[in-house]
C-alpha atoms as a PDB file:
ATOM      1  CA  MET A   1     241.385  15.037  29.341  1.00  0.00           C
ATOM      2  CA  ARG A   2     241.686  15.002  25.698  1.00  0.00           C
ATOM      3  CA  THR A   3     244.357  13.782  23.297  1.00  0.00           C
ATOM      4  CA  VAL A   4     246.689  16.573  21.935  1.00  0.00           C
ATOM      5  CA  THR A   5     249.238  16.143  19.117  1.00  0.00           C
ATOM      6  CA  LEU A   6     252.322  18.311  19.328  1.00  0.00           C
ATOM      7  CA  HIS A   7     254.014  19.723  16.134  1.00  0.00           C
ATOM      8  CA  THR A   8     257.524  21.147  15.926  1.00  0.00           C
ATOM      9  CA  PRO A   9     258.512  23.873  13.561  1.00  0.00           C
ATOM     10  CA  PRO A  10     260.629  23.209  10.336  1.00  0.00           C
ATOM     11  CA  ALA A  11     264.312  23.469  10.602  1.00  0.00           C
ATOM     12  CA  GLY A  12     264.526  27.017   9.220  1.00  0.00           C
ATOM     13  CA  ARG A  13     262.011  28.415  11.787  1.00  0.00           C
ATOM     14  CA  ARG A  14     263.368  27.042  15.226  1.00  0.00           C
ATOM     15  CA  GLU A  15     262.512  30.302  16.969  1.00  0.00           C
ATOM     16  CA  HIS A  16     258.727  29.385  17.022  1.00  0.00           C
ATOM     17  CA  LEU A  17     257.266  27.274  19.769  1.00  0.00           C
ATOM     18  CA  PRO A  18     255.623  24.029  19.194  1.00  0.00           C
ATOM     19  CA  VAL A  19     251.942  23.967  18.193  1.00  0.00           C
ATOM     20  CA  ALA A  20     249.413  21.767  19.926  1.00  0.00           C
ATOM     21  CA  VAL A  21     246.277  20.407  18.148  1.00  0.00           C
ATOM     22  CA  ALA A  22     243.571  18.948  20.376  1.00  0.00           C
ATOM     23  CA  ASP A  23     241.198  16.297  19.186  1.00  0.00           C
ATOM     24  CA  ARG A  24     237.824  17.869  19.810  1.00  0.00           C
ATOM     25  CA  PHE A  25     234.744  18.991  17.981  1.00  0.00           C
ATOM     26  CA  SER A  26     234.599  22.631  16.944  1.00  0.00           C
ATOM     27  CA  TRP A  27     231.420  24.509  17.629  1.00  0.00           C
ATOM     28  CA  TRP A  28     232.687  27.683  15.816  1.00  0.00           C
ATOM     29  CA  THR A  29     233.203  25.680  12.652  1.00  0.00           C
ATOM     30  CA  LEU A  30     229.766  24.031  12.949  1.00  0.00           C
ATOM     31  CA  VAL A  31     228.138  27.518  13.196  1.00  0.00           C
ATOM     32  CA  PHE A  32     230.268  29.564  10.703  1.00  0.00           C
ATOM     33  CA  GLY A  33     231.374  26.791   8.420  1.00  0.00           C
ATOM     34  CA  TRP A  34     234.393  27.502   6.085  1.00  0.00           C
ATOM     35  CA  LEU A  35     234.560  31.032   7.434  1.00  0.00           C
ATOM     36  CA  ALA A  36     235.890  29.563  10.705  1.00  0.00           C
ATOM     37  CA  LEU A  37     238.701  27.940   8.967  1.00  0.00           C
ATOM     38  CA  LEU A  38     240.214  31.106   7.726  1.00  0.00           C
ATOM     39  CA  ARG A  39     242.489  31.416  10.680  1.00  0.00           C
ATOM     40  CA  PRO A  40     246.157  31.281  10.146  1.00  0.00           C
ATOM     41  CA  THR A  41     246.150  27.471  11.070  1.00  0.00           C
ATOM     42  CA  ALA A  42     243.738  26.275   8.304  1.00  0.00           C
ATOM     43  CA  TRP A  43     243.350  28.902   5.608  1.00  0.00           C
ATOM     44  CA  ILE A  44     244.142  26.749   2.697  1.00  0.00           C
ATOM     45  CA  ALA A  45     241.260  24.276   3.753  1.00  0.00           C
ATOM     46  CA  GLY A  46     238.952  27.315   4.409  1.00  0.00           C
ATOM     47  CA  LEU A  47     239.509  28.429   0.885  1.00  0.00           C
ATOM     48  CA  LEU A  48     238.912  24.923  -0.547  1.00  0.00           C
ATOM     49  CA  ALA A  49     235.752  24.554   1.517  1.00  0.00           C
ATOM     50  CA  GLY A  50     234.563  28.097   0.540  1.00  0.00           C
ATOM     51  CA  ALA A  51     234.980  27.217  -3.202  1.00  0.00           C
ATOM     52  CA  LEU A  52     233.114  24.146  -2.673  1.00  0.00           C
ATOM     53  CA  THR A  53     230.276  25.934  -0.902  1.00  0.00           C
ATOM     54  CA  LEU A  54     230.044  28.178  -3.798  1.00  0.00           C
ATOM     55  CA  VAL A  55     229.977  25.410  -6.374  1.00  0.00           C
ATOM     56  CA  LEU A  56     227.353  23.645  -4.327  1.00  0.00           C
ATOM     57  CA  HIS A  57     225.200  26.764  -3.990  1.00  0.00           C
ATOM     58  CA  HIS A  58     225.489  27.263  -7.844  1.00  0.00           C
ATOM     59  CA  TRP A  59     224.221  23.672  -8.430  1.00  0.00           C
ATOM     60  CA  LEU A  60     221.680  23.434  -5.584  1.00  0.00           C
ATOM     61  CA  GLY A  61     220.905  26.949  -4.694  1.00  0.00           C
ATOM     62  CA  HIS A  62     217.140  26.904  -5.272  1.00  0.00           C
ATOM     63  CA  SER A  63     216.468  23.247  -4.493  1.00  0.00           C
ATOM     64  CA  ARG A  64     215.244  21.672  -1.434  1.00  0.00           C
ATOM     65  CA  TRP A  65     218.584  19.919  -0.879  1.00  0.00           C
ATOM     66  CA  TRP A  66     220.649  23.057  -0.366  1.00  0.00           C
ATOM     67  CA  TRP A  67     220.156  23.373   3.382  1.00  0.00           C
ATOM     68  CA  PRO A  68     220.708  19.703   4.240  1.00  0.00           C
ATOM     69  CA  VAL A  69     223.910  19.583   2.054  1.00  0.00           C
ATOM     70  CA  LEU A  70     225.205  22.865   3.733  1.00  0.00           C
ATOM     71  CA  ALA A  71     224.489  21.494   7.229  1.00  0.00           C
ATOM     72  CA  ALA A  72     226.276  18.287   6.308  1.00  0.00           C
ATOM     73  CA  LEU A  73     229.242  20.261   5.095  1.00  0.00           C
ATOM     74  CA  HIS A  74     229.440  22.331   8.248  1.00  0.00           C
ATOM     75  CA  LEU A  75     229.187  19.180  10.374  1.00  0.00           C
ATOM     76  CA  SER A  76     231.904  17.404   8.450  1.00  0.00           C
ATOM     77  CA  LEU A  77     234.115  20.346   8.735  1.00  0.00           C
ATOM     78  CA  ALA A  78     233.510  20.632  12.495  1.00  0.00           C
ATOM     79  CA  SER A  79     234.163  16.981  13.030  1.00  0.00           C
ATOM     80  CA  PHE A  80     237.362  16.710  11.008  1.00  0.00           C
ATOM     81  CA  LEU A  81     238.936  20.222  12.050  1.00  0.00           C
ATOM     82  CA  PRO A  82     241.799  18.605  14.065  1.00  0.00           C
ATOM     83  CA  GLU A  83     242.867  16.436  10.989  1.00  0.00           C
ATOM     84  CA  ILE A  84     242.468  19.535   8.778  1.00  0.00           C
ATOM     85  CA  ARG A  85     244.753  21.509  11.052  1.00  0.00           C
ATOM     86  CA  ARG A  86     247.216  18.728  11.089  1.00  0.00           C
ATOM     87  CA  TRP A  87     247.252  18.579   7.365  1.00  0.00           C
ATOM     88  CA  GLN A  88     247.816  22.370   7.118  1.00  0.00           C
ATOM     89  CA  LEU A  89     250.803  22.141   9.448  1.00  0.00           C
ATOM     90  CA  ALA A  90     252.215  19.156   7.516  1.00  0.00           C
ATOM     91  CA  LEU A  91     252.001  21.247   4.316  1.00  0.00           C
ATOM     92  CA  SER A  92     253.989  24.059   6.032  1.00  0.00           C
ATOM     93  CA  GLY A  93     256.633  21.543   7.058  1.00  0.00           C
ATOM     94  CA  TRP A  94     255.850  21.131  10.623  1.00  0.00           C
ATOM     95  CA  ARG A  95     256.623  17.736  12.020  1.00  0.00           C
ATOM     96  CA  CYS A  96     254.351  15.817  14.361  1.00  0.00           C
ATOM     97  CA  THR A  97     256.562  14.903  17.415  1.00  0.00           C
ATOM     98  CA  GLY A  98     253.894  12.982  19.481  1.00  0.00           C
ATOM     99  CA  ARG A  99     250.692  12.690  21.472  1.00  0.00           C
ATOM    100  CA  THR A 100     249.906  13.652  24.940  1.00  0.00           C
ATOM    101  CA  LEU A 101     246.944  13.870  27.225  1.00  0.00           C
ATOM    102  CA  ALA A 102     246.155  17.180  28.673  1.00  0.00           C
ATOM    103  CA  SER A 103     243.161  19.264  29.658  1.00  0.00           C
ATOM    104  CA  SER A 104     243.881  21.901  26.884  1.00  0.00           C
ATOM    105  CA  GLU A 105     246.263  22.811  24.205  1.00  0.00           C
ATOM    106  CA  THR A 106     247.960  25.347  26.561  1.00  0.00           C
ATOM    107  CA  ALA A 107     248.446  22.659  29.216  1.00  0.00           C
ATOM    108  CA  ALA A 108     250.101  20.407  26.664  1.00  0.00           C
ATOM    109  CA  LEU A 109     252.291  23.234  25.580  1.00  0.00           C
ATOM    110  CA  ASP A 110     253.267  24.146  29.137  1.00  0.00           C
ATOM    111  CA  ARG A 111     254.289  20.507  29.829  1.00  0.00           C
ATOM    112  CA  VAL A 112     256.432  20.427  26.592  1.00  0.00           C
ATOM    113  CA  VAL A 113     258.043  23.923  26.920  1.00  0.00           C
ATOM    114  CA  GLY A 114     258.504  23.291  30.611  1.00  0.00           C
ATOM    115  CA  SER A 115     260.447  20.158  29.931  1.00  0.00           C
ATOM    116  CA  LEU A 116     262.867  21.825  27.378  1.00  0.00           C
ATOM    117  CA  ALA A 117     266.299  22.492  28.779  1.00  0.00           C
ATOM    118  CA  LEU A 118     267.230  26.090  28.783  1.00  0.00           C
ATOM    119  CA  PRO A 119     270.856  27.042  27.837  1.00  0.00           C
END
């Protein structure tokens, strides 16, 4: 079981379902770095991390510190991906409505959508 935060859409976009963000480590982000953030849920942070990577490569490109710094950047992005996704949703106007325990994001959404009263 993992902790999952649930986010509801802004007032103007009520036709969207809630979004669930699980607190877990992202192996895809560890391997691919900022490229893995270019999904629809974290593209602003992906572009910022990509720009940071280019600046660091310009400064450290041919030194012995380039690979350790790049590994540390990938590790920090993979560790903090849930917070990055929550930040991106908050920028888009989504509101955090609570936390729940579930085995996956889909199970958390099934629990929330199943409890909604249908007209």
